[in-house]
Amino acid sequence: MRILGIESSCDETGVAVYDDECGLVAHALHTQIAMHAEYGGVVPELASRDHIKRVVPLVRQVTAQAGMQLKDYAAIAYTAGPGLIGALLVGAMTARSLAYALNIPAIPVHHMEGHLLAPLLDDPKPEFPFVALLVSGGHTMLIKVNCPGDYELLGQSVDDAVGEAFDKTAKLLGLPYPGGPYLEKLAANGDSTSYHFPRPMLDRPTLDFSFAGLKTAVLNAVHHATAQGQCDDKVRADIACCFTDAVCETLVKKCARALQQCGLHNLVAAGGVSANSAIRNALTDLMQQRGGKVFFARKEFCTDNGAMIAQAGMLRFKAGTYAPLKVDVFPRWPLSSLEAL
């Protein structure tokens, strides 16, 4: 049994085919990075229009790659939220229309659930329950995952998400959009002892995060170096490195606290920022020290993609979670509101 998954929550159009026995069969992705780079960030109206151009050709592409016809699908899953409302509507209307025409169910999927379960696309798979660190451009969350759909929020960012902090720091350092990958490359050449940036909220027992103060500390460092005429490539690399170290230490200590609090030994890291090599290495070291295991999604599935939506959609489909004919999308959608499977 196979389903089609469509992701269109922001600036990537992702489509994939998932089989309930052999897993991922085909997937394709179109990214809008080049289009939005001119503006230094995502322009919602442009994102929506580009999804309209891309989604149907991508559906045809993955259907052909899977050796299928549209009539062969058992259901169609789509991202119903959270995300940009115009972008969400493109994927939702495409999926709902196809499902109606083919007389098959349409399955609304929570975007963050897709990210949370993305590490299950590959082997070895984490066993439930586990603690999940969800780090992306819009979210920084620690979640206890008891089973698919049963999510307990342990902590989250009270201001900027970690991905926003990466992008804003990259912009301060004059790096292109999107800043995260460029910042990672720059940081590799830096000296981690050059600056000591704050590790926000580590002195509090809470599992919440705050990165606004760290971003301000970077801003001050850049302004000071610029005023002294010293903001050369070496200084910029040092700032990037020390910023990354501060983020890594903050995430590691919060994850350790969450694992201790929950009495668990498995950690999942998901979302676009989890592709960062320094963060991966820091979390791997943490779990080795604790005698546990950490699981990451394949790097190509850390950012938005159709594969994670198709997989989560299959789980929801087999549990009987179908969408009515009325199309609803949710720019904001609490993960805790989902039903356990």
Protein backbone atom coordinates (compact mmCIF):
# COMPACT_ATOMS: atom_id res chain seq x y z
CA MET A 1 0.00 0.00 0.00
CA ARG A 2 1.43 3.36 -1.03
CA ILE A 3 0.57 6.97 -0.32
CA LEU A 4 1.67 10.30 -1.76
CA GLY A 5 3.01 13.01 0.56
CA ILE A 6 3.07 16.74 -0.25
CA GLU A 7 5.01 19.37 1.74
CA SER A 8 4.56 23.10 1.04
CA SER A 9 4.66 24.86 4.40
CA CYS A 10 7.35 27.43 3.58
CA ASP A 11 9.99 27.65 0.85
CA GLU A 12 10.43 24.06 -0.29
CA THR A 13 8.05 22.03 -2.41
CA GLY A 14 8.54 18.38 -1.48
CA VAL A 15 6.69 15.34 -2.83
CA ALA A 16 7.31 11.68 -1.98
CA VAL A 17 5.88 8.16 -2.28
CA TYR A 18 5.89 5.95 0.81
CA ASP A 19 5.16 2.22 1.00
CA ASP A 20 3.91 0.71 4.26
CA GLU A 21 6.18 -2.32 3.80
CA CYS A 22 9.37 -1.12 2.12
CA GLY A 23 9.34 2.52 3.23
CA LEU A 24 10.35 5.44 1.04
CA VAL A 25 10.00 4.65 -2.66
CA ALA A 26 10.58 8.00 -4.39
CA HIS A 27 10.99 11.64 -3.45
CA ALA A 28 11.70 14.97 -5.12
CA LEU A 29 12.29 18.48 -3.82
CA HIS A 30 12.35 21.98 -5.26
CA THR A 31 13.92 24.65 -3.07
CA GLN A 32 13.21 28.36 -3.42
CA ILE A 33 16.49 29.50 -1.84
CA ALA A 34 17.81 31.21 -4.96
CA MET A 35 14.56 33.16 -5.39
CA HIS A 36 14.37 34.39 -1.80
CA ALA A 37 18.11 35.09 -1.45
CA GLU A 38 17.64 38.37 -3.32
CA TYR A 39 15.42 39.58 -0.45
CA GLY A 40 17.42 38.09 2.42
CA GLY A 41 14.50 35.96 3.61
CA VAL A 42 11.30 34.23 2.59
CA VAL A 43 8.69 36.38 0.82
CA PRO A 44 5.37 34.60 1.53
CA GLU A 45 3.55 35.66 -1.65
CA LEU A 46 6.43 34.59 -3.87
CA ALA A 47 6.67 31.30 -1.98
CA SER A 48 2.98 30.53 -2.57
CA ARG A 49 3.16 31.31 -6.28
CA ASP A 50 6.22 29.14 -6.75
CA HIS A 51 4.54 26.20 -4.99
CA ILE A 52 1.69 26.48 -7.51
CA LYS A 53 4.18 26.14 -10.37
CA ARG A 54 6.11 23.23 -8.86
CA VAL A 55 3.74 20.90 -7.04
CA VAL A 56 1.94 19.18 -9.94
CA PRO A 57 5.13 18.52 -11.98
CA LEU A 58 6.74 17.06 -8.85
CA VAL A 59 3.71 14.81 -8.26
CA ARG A 60 4.05 13.52 -11.82
CA GLN A 61 7.80 13.06 -11.36
CA VAL A 62 7.68 10.93 -8.21
CA THR A 63 4.69 8.94 -9.49
CA ALA A 64 6.70 8.02 -12.57
CA GLN A 65 9.81 7.26 -10.47
CA ALA A 66 7.75 4.86 -8.38
CA GLY A 67 6.41 3.15 -11.51
CA MET A 68 2.86 4.10 -10.59
CA GLN A 69 -0.21 5.90 -11.83
CA LEU A 70 -2.31 8.27 -9.76
CA LYS A 71 -5.05 5.66 -9.45
CA ASP A 72 -2.62 3.37 -7.60
CA TYR A 73 -2.40 5.55 -4.48
CA ALA A 74 -4.29 4.51 -1.37
CA ALA A 75 -4.27 8.04 0.11
CA ILE A 76 -2.65 11.46 -0.19
CA ALA A 77 -1.00 13.16 2.78
CA TYR A 78 -0.23 16.86 2.99
CA THR A 79 1.16 19.39 5.43
CA ALA A 80 -1.79 21.14 7.08
CA GLY A 81 0.32 23.32 9.39
CA PRO A 82 2.04 25.08 10.94
CA GLY A 83 3.50 27.30 8.25
CA LEU A 84 2.76 30.17 5.86
CA ILE A 85 -0.97 30.10 5.19
CA GLY A 86 -0.72 30.74 1.44
CA ALA A 87 1.95 28.09 1.00
CA LEU A 88 -0.02 25.59 3.09
CA LEU A 89 -3.12 26.17 1.02
CA VAL A 90 -1.32 25.24 -2.20
CA GLY A 91 -0.36 21.80 -0.93
CA ALA A 92 -3.64 21.26 0.87
CA MET A 93 -5.80 22.16 -2.13
CA THR A 94 -3.69 20.03 -4.46
CA ALA A 95 -3.86 17.03 -2.15
CA ARG A 96 -7.53 17.44 -1.33
CA SER A 97 -8.47 17.87 -5.03
CA LEU A 98 -6.50 14.81 -6.09
CA ALA A 99 -7.97 12.75 -3.27
CA TYR A 100 -11.50 13.83 -4.20
CA ALA A 101 -10.96 13.05 -7.88
CA LEU A 102 -9.47 9.63 -7.07
CA ASN A 103 -12.02 8.88 -4.33
CA ILE A 104 -9.32 8.18 -1.76
CA PRO A 105 -8.67 9.68 1.70
CA ALA A 106 -6.72 12.91 2.25
CA ILE A 107 -4.52 12.91 5.37
CA PRO A 108 -3.60 16.19 7.12
CA VAL A 109 -0.13 16.03 8.68
CA HIS A 110 1.44 18.24 11.32
CA HIS A 111 4.68 19.64 9.92
CA MET A 112 6.57 19.25 13.19
CA GLU A 113 5.37 15.66 13.60
CA GLY A 114 6.90 15.01 10.21
CA HIS A 115 10.24 16.37 11.44
CA LEU A 116 10.01 14.47 14.74
CA LEU A 117 9.54 11.15 12.97
CA ALA A 118 11.99 11.81 10.11
CA PRO A 119 14.76 9.73 11.77
CA LEU A 120 12.46 6.70 11.36
CA LEU A 121 12.97 6.91 7.59
CA ASP A 122 16.31 5.11 8.01
CA ASP A 123 17.77 2.31 10.12
CA PRO A 124 18.50 1.96 12.94
CA LYS A 125 15.24 3.45 14.19
CA PRO A 126 14.85 4.87 17.70
CA GLU A 127 12.64 2.94 20.09
CA PHE A 128 9.81 4.69 21.89
CA PRO A 129 9.77 6.48 24.25
CA PHE A 130 12.53 9.02 23.59
CA VAL A 131 13.37 12.67 24.11
CA ALA A 132 13.32 14.75 20.94
CA LEU A 133 15.19 17.99 20.31
CA LEU A 134 13.38 19.82 17.52
CA VAL A 135 15.52 22.65 16.13
CA SER A 136 14.53 24.61 13.05
CA GLY A 137 14.16 28.15 11.76
CA GLY A 138 10.90 28.61 13.64
CA HIS A 139 11.07 26.14 16.52
CA THR A 140 13.33 25.08 19.37
CA MET A 141 11.58 22.45 21.46
CA LEU A 142 12.31 19.57 23.79
CA ILE A 143 9.59 16.92 23.62
CA LYS A 144 9.00 13.61 25.33
CA VAL A 145 7.75 11.28 22.61
CA ASN A 146 5.87 8.34 24.13
CA CYS A 147 4.62 7.05 20.77
CA PRO A 148 3.56 8.64 17.47
CA GLY A 149 1.03 11.32 18.29
CA ASP A 150 1.67 11.28 22.06
CA TYR A 151 3.90 14.30 22.63
CA GLU A 152 4.68 16.01 25.90
CA LEU A 153 6.25 19.46 25.55
CA LEU A 154 9.14 19.78 28.02
CA GLY A 155 10.52 23.16 26.98
CA GLN A 156 10.72 25.62 24.11
CA SER A 157 12.26 28.92 23.10
CA VAL A 158 10.75 31.96 24.77
CA ASP A 159 12.03 34.24 21.98
CA ASP A 160 14.14 33.48 18.89
CA ALA A 161 14.35 29.89 17.72
CA VAL A 162 17.87 28.57 17.29
CA GLY A 163 17.54 28.66 13.51
CA GLU A 164 16.63 32.34 13.66
CA ALA A 165 19.68 32.97 15.82
CA PHE A 166 21.88 31.26 13.23
CA ASP A 167 20.38 33.25 10.36
CA LYS A 168 20.59 36.58 12.19
CA THR A 169 24.18 35.94 13.27
CA ALA A 170 25.09 35.01 9.70
CA LYS A 171 23.54 38.23 8.45
CA LEU A 172 25.52 40.25 11.01
CA LEU A 173 28.68 38.59 9.68
CA GLY A 174 27.80 39.47 6.10
CA LEU A 175 27.05 35.91 4.99
CA PRO A 176 24.57 35.03 2.20
CA TYR A 177 21.04 33.72 2.78
CA PRO A 178 20.29 31.17 4.11
CA GLY A 179 22.94 31.78 6.72
CA GLY A 180 23.15 28.48 8.59
CA PRO A 181 25.32 26.46 6.17
CA TYR A 182 27.63 29.43 5.49
CA LEU A 183 28.02 30.07 9.21
CA GLU A 184 28.97 26.43 9.76
CA LYS A 185 31.74 26.66 7.16
CA LEU A 186 33.02 29.95 8.58
CA ALA A 187 33.01 28.62 12.16
CA ALA A 188 35.23 25.69 11.17
CA ASN A 189 38.15 28.14 10.81
CA GLY A 190 37.55 30.00 14.07
CA ASP A 191 39.14 29.97 17.53
CA SER A 192 36.65 28.87 20.18
CA THR A 193 38.57 30.73 22.94
CA SER A 194 38.39 34.16 21.30
CA TYR A 195 35.03 35.18 22.76
CA HIS A 196 32.84 33.97 25.57
CA PHE A 197 29.22 34.44 24.63
CA PRO A 198 26.38 33.81 27.11
CA ARG A 199 24.75 30.40 27.51
CA PRO A 200 21.18 31.59 28.04
CA MET A 201 18.97 30.16 30.81
CA LEU A 202 21.39 27.43 31.87
CA ASP A 203 21.24 28.74 35.43
CA ARG A 204 17.51 28.02 35.62
CA PRO A 205 15.90 24.61 36.23
CA THR A 206 13.50 25.09 33.32
CA LEU A 207 13.94 23.31 29.99
CA ASP A 208 13.02 26.45 28.05
CA PHE A 209 15.47 28.22 25.73
CA SER A 210 16.32 31.84 24.96
CA PHE A 211 18.65 32.95 22.17
CA ALA A 212 17.87 36.68 21.96
CA GLY A 213 20.61 37.57 24.46
CA LEU A 214 23.16 35.47 22.58
CA LYS A 215 22.23 37.23 19.36
CA THR A 216 22.70 40.61 21.08
CA ALA A 217 26.13 39.56 22.38
CA VAL A 218 27.16 38.68 18.82
CA LEU A 219 25.82 42.02 17.59
CA ASN A 220 27.92 43.87 20.18
CA ALA A 221 31.03 41.86 19.27
CA VAL A 222 30.60 42.62 15.57
CA HIS A 223 30.00 46.32 16.21
CA HIS A 224 33.05 46.54 18.50
CA ALA A 225 35.31 44.78 16.01
CA THR A 226 34.01 46.97 13.18
CA ALA A 227 34.57 50.15 15.19
CA GLN A 228 38.16 49.06 15.84
CA GLY A 229 38.67 48.29 12.16
CA GLN A 230 39.33 44.65 13.04
CA CYS A 231 36.31 42.79 11.62
CA ASP A 232 38.35 40.79 9.12
CA ASP A 233 37.82 37.18 8.03
CA LYS A 234 39.69 35.82 11.07
CA VAL A 235 37.58 37.77 13.56
CA ARG A 236 34.38 36.83 11.76
CA ALA A 237 35.38 33.16 11.88
CA ASP A 238 36.16 33.46 15.60
CA ILE A 239 32.75 35.02 16.28
CA ALA A 240 31.00 32.31 14.26
CA CYS A 241 32.90 29.58 16.10
CA CYS A 242 32.21 31.00 19.57
CA PHE A 243 28.55 31.55 18.73
CA THR A 244 28.26 27.92 17.59
CA ASP A 245 29.96 26.73 20.77
CA ALA A 246 27.48 28.68 22.89
CA VAL A 247 24.55 27.14 21.02
CA CYS A 248 25.99 23.63 21.28
CA GLU A 249 26.64 23.88 25.01
CA THR A 250 23.15 25.24 25.61
CA LEU A 251 21.48 22.48 23.61
CA VAL A 252 23.63 19.74 25.15
CA LYS A 253 22.98 20.76 28.74
CA LYS A 254 19.25 21.16 28.17
CA CYS A 255 19.07 17.75 26.47
CA ALA A 256 21.00 16.15 29.34
CA ARG A 257 18.58 17.72 31.81
CA ALA A 258 15.55 16.51 29.82
CA LEU A 259 16.90 12.95 29.57
CA GLN A 260 17.60 12.92 33.30
CA GLN A 261 14.16 14.30 34.09
CA CYS A 262 12.41 11.70 31.92
CA GLY A 263 14.67 8.79 32.85
CA LEU A 264 15.32 8.01 29.18
CA HIS A 265 18.41 7.00 27.21
CA ASN A 266 17.38 7.68 23.61
CA LEU A 267 17.60 11.13 22.04
CA VAL A 268 16.30 12.21 18.62
CA ALA A 269 17.48 15.45 17.02
CA ALA A 270 15.41 16.72 14.09
CA GLY A 271 14.70 19.86 12.10
CA GLY A 272 16.89 21.87 9.75
CA VAL A 273 19.41 22.99 12.37
CA SER A 274 20.11 19.36 13.33
CA ALA A 275 22.09 19.10 10.08
CA ASN A 276 24.80 21.29 11.64
CA SER A 277 27.92 19.15 12.13
CA ALA A 278 29.02 20.82 15.38
CA ILE A 279 25.60 20.21 16.94
CA ARG A 280 25.60 16.61 15.76
CA ASN A 281 29.06 15.99 17.19
CA ALA A 282 28.16 17.61 20.52
CA LEU A 283 24.99 15.54 20.91
CA THR A 284 26.80 12.37 19.86
CA ASP A 285 29.45 13.00 22.54
CA LEU A 286 26.73 13.63 25.12
CA MET A 287 24.99 10.33 24.45
CA GLN A 288 28.25 8.39 24.41
CA GLN A 289 29.05 9.81 27.84
CA ARG A 290 25.58 8.86 29.09
CA GLY A 291 25.66 5.38 27.57
CA GLY A 292 22.66 6.16 25.39
CA LYS A 293 21.99 6.66 21.70
CA VAL A 294 21.24 9.69 19.54
CA PHE A 295 19.36 9.44 16.25
CA PHE A 296 19.43 11.99 13.44
CA ALA A 297 17.47 12.25 10.24
CA ARG A 298 19.49 11.89 7.04
CA LYS A 299 20.81 15.39 6.26
CA GLU A 300 18.65 15.73 3.15
CA PHE A 301 15.61 15.03 5.35
CA CYS A 302 16.50 17.53 8.10
CA THR A 303 15.08 20.44 6.13
CA ASP A 304 11.50 20.42 4.82
CA ASN A 305 10.73 17.50 2.52
CA GLY A 306 7.91 15.32 1.25
CA ALA A 307 9.36 12.07 2.60
CA MET A 308 8.70 12.97 6.23
CA ILE A 309 5.13 14.00 5.39
CA ALA A 310 4.47 10.79 3.47
CA GLN A 311 5.81 8.67 6.34
CA ALA A 312 3.81 10.51 9.02
CA GLY A 313 0.81 10.43 6.69
CA MET A 314 1.04 6.65 6.40
CA LEU A 315 0.93 6.31 10.19
CA ARG A 316 -2.10 8.62 10.36
CA PHE A 317 -3.78 6.86 7.44
CA LYS A 318 -3.47 3.43 9.04
CA ALA A 319 -4.90 4.93 12.24
CA GLY A 320 -7.92 6.27 10.35
CA THR A 321 -7.12 10.01 10.50
CA TYR A 322 -8.82 11.44 7.41
CA ALA A 323 -9.62 15.00 6.36
CA PRO A 324 -13.15 16.14 5.53
CA LEU A 325 -13.95 17.75 2.20
CA LYS A 326 -13.55 21.15 3.81
CA VAL A 327 -9.90 22.21 3.55
CA ASP A 328 -8.45 23.57 6.79
CA VAL A 329 -4.86 24.72 7.26
CA PHE A 330 -3.31 25.95 10.48
CA PRO A 331 -0.56 28.60 10.49
CA ARG A 332 -0.29 27.84 14.23
CA TRP A 333 -0.98 24.34 15.48
CA PRO A 334 0.14 23.05 18.88
CA LEU A 335 1.86 19.69 18.59
CA SER A 336 0.26 18.63 21.88
CA SER A 337 -3.21 18.83 20.29
CA LEU A 338 -2.60 15.72 18.14
CA GLU A 339 -4.20 12.41 18.96
CA ALA A 340 -1.96 9.50 19.93
CA LEU A 341 -1.89 6.64 17.43
